[in-house]
Amino acid sequence: MKGAKIQSAVLDYGDEEKNRPGLLMNPPISKDYNGTWVLIPRIGNDNFSEIQKYISCELKTSNCQISKTP
């Protein structure tokens, strides 16, 4: 892997104190998730379009910004 370019990106639920938005959210514990703690896309369960757009941007240009509102 000589000369390989390694990239990394973080998908998380952001940081309100630092005013940094994330792409995921932690919904209230409910029967919908069998009472478990989960992370889902912030724009809705099973809607990965915003995450896909972010990953695509990161692969092409890196240092992509996440908007405060979806």
C-alpha atoms as a PDB file:
ATOM      1  CA  MET A   1       0.000   0.000   0.000  1.00  0.00           C
ATOM      2  CA  LYS A   2       2.884   2.334  -0.646  1.00  0.00           C
ATOM      3  CA  GLY A   3       1.606   5.725  -1.658  1.00  0.00           C
ATOM      4  CA  ALA A   4      -1.974   4.930  -0.646  1.00  0.00           C
ATOM      5  CA  LYS A   5      -4.048   7.853   0.534  1.00  0.00           C
ATOM      6  CA  ILE A   6      -5.923   6.983   3.710  1.00  0.00           C
ATOM      7  CA  GLN A   7      -8.964   9.074   4.615  1.00  0.00           C
ATOM      8  CA  SER A   8     -11.196   8.990   7.648  1.00  0.00           C
ATOM      9  CA  ALA A   9     -14.455  10.664   8.585  1.00  0.00           C
ATOM     10  CA  VAL A  10     -16.598  10.546  11.698  1.00  0.00           C
ATOM     11  CA  LEU A  11     -20.336   9.935  11.763  1.00  0.00           C
ATOM     12  CA  ASP A  12     -21.775  10.956  15.116  1.00  0.00           C
ATOM     13  CA  TYR A  13     -24.607  12.885  16.750  1.00  0.00           C
ATOM     14  CA  GLY A  14     -22.655  16.148  17.049  1.00  0.00           C
ATOM     15  CA  ASP A  15     -21.873  18.287  20.056  1.00  0.00           C
ATOM     16  CA  GLU A  16     -24.433  20.863  21.219  1.00  0.00           C
ATOM     17  CA  GLU A  17     -21.954  22.608  23.554  1.00  0.00           C
ATOM     18  CA  LYS A  18     -19.581  23.241  20.640  1.00  0.00           C
ATOM     19  CA  ASN A  19     -22.475  24.001  18.275  1.00  0.00           C
ATOM     20  CA  ARG A  20     -21.321  21.171  15.962  1.00  0.00           C
ATOM     21  CA  PRO A  21     -24.083  19.279  14.149  1.00  0.00           C
ATOM     22  CA  GLY A  22     -23.954  15.559  13.498  1.00  0.00           C
ATOM     23  CA  LEU A  23     -25.554  13.220  11.004  1.00  0.00           C
ATOM     24  CA  LEU A  24     -27.027  10.846  13.570  1.00  0.00           C
ATOM     25  CA  MET A  25     -29.488  11.128  16.427  1.00  0.00           C
ATOM     26  CA  ASN A  26     -30.314   9.050  19.467  1.00  0.00           C
ATOM     27  CA  PRO A  27     -34.102   8.647  19.645  1.00  0.00           C
ATOM     28  CA  PRO A  28     -35.849   7.988  22.951  1.00  0.00           C
ATOM     29  CA  ILE A  29     -35.718   4.365  24.057  1.00  0.00           C
ATOM     30  CA  SER A  30     -38.908   2.734  22.806  1.00  0.00           C
ATOM     31  CA  LYS A  31     -40.501  -0.469  21.586  1.00  0.00           C
ATOM     32  CA  ASP A  32     -39.562   0.609  18.056  1.00  0.00           C
ATOM     33  CA  TYR A  33     -35.967  -0.385  18.832  1.00  0.00           C
ATOM     34  CA  ASN A  34     -36.710  -3.200  21.301  1.00  0.00           C
ATOM     35  CA  GLY A  35     -35.808  -0.930  24.216  1.00  0.00           C
ATOM     36  CA  THR A  36     -32.197  -0.542  23.083  1.00  0.00           C
ATOM     37  CA  TRP A  37     -30.013   2.545  22.732  1.00  0.00           C
ATOM     38  CA  VAL A  38     -29.530   3.231  19.017  1.00  0.00           C
ATOM     39  CA  LEU A  39     -28.243   5.828  16.586  1.00  0.00           C
ATOM     40  CA  ILE A  40     -30.301   6.537  13.471  1.00  0.00           C
ATOM     41  CA  PRO A  41     -29.949   9.090  10.653  1.00  0.00           C
ATOM     42  CA  ARG A  42     -31.048  12.494  11.936  1.00  0.00           C
ATOM     43  CA  ILE A  43     -33.403  12.983   8.990  1.00  0.00           C
ATOM     44  CA  GLY A  44     -35.325   9.805   9.796  1.00  0.00           C
ATOM     45  CA  ASN A  45     -34.981   6.112  10.361  1.00  0.00           C
ATOM     46  CA  ASP A  46     -33.812   4.263   7.226  1.00  0.00           C
ATOM     47  CA  ASN A  47     -33.147   7.532   5.334  1.00  0.00           C
ATOM     48  CA  PHE A  48     -29.412   7.504   4.669  1.00  0.00           C
ATOM     49  CA  SER A  49     -29.431  10.075   1.836  1.00  0.00           C
ATOM     50  CA  GLU A  50     -27.775  12.826   3.905  1.00  0.00           C
ATOM     51  CA  ILE A  51     -25.067  10.430   5.123  1.00  0.00           C
ATOM     52  CA  GLN A  52     -24.482   9.167   1.571  1.00  0.00           C
ATOM     53  CA  LYS A  53     -24.121  12.744   0.303  1.00  0.00           C
ATOM     54  CA  TYR A  54     -21.629  13.540   3.082  1.00  0.00           C
ATOM     55  CA  ILE A  55     -19.536  10.408   2.421  1.00  0.00           C
ATOM     56  CA  SER A  56     -19.529  11.133  -1.313  1.00  0.00           C
ATOM     57  CA  CYS A  57     -18.294  14.662  -0.627  1.00  0.00           C
ATOM     58  CA  GLU A  58     -15.594  13.382   1.754  1.00  0.00           C
ATOM     59  CA  LEU A  59     -14.336  10.888  -0.842  1.00  0.00           C
ATOM     60  CA  LYS A  60     -14.146  13.560  -3.534  1.00  0.00           C
ATOM     61  CA  THR A  61     -12.933  16.659  -1.693  1.00  0.00           C
ATOM     62  CA  SER A  62     -12.682  15.981   2.090  1.00  0.00           C
ATOM     63  CA  ASN A  63     -13.299  18.569   4.817  1.00  0.00           C
ATOM     64  CA  CYS A  64     -17.032  18.681   4.019  1.00  0.00           C
ATOM     65  CA  GLN A  65     -19.374  20.605   6.277  1.00  0.00           C
ATOM     66  CA  ILE A  66     -22.565  19.321   7.870  1.00  0.00           C
ATOM     67  CA  SER A  67     -25.450  21.783   7.858  1.00  0.00           C
ATOM     68  CA  LYS A  68     -27.175  22.586  11.148  1.00  0.00           C
ATOM     69  CA  THR A  69     -30.551  21.653   9.652  1.00  0.00           C
ATOM     70  CA  PRO A  70     -31.130  18.682   7.383  1.00  0.00           C
END
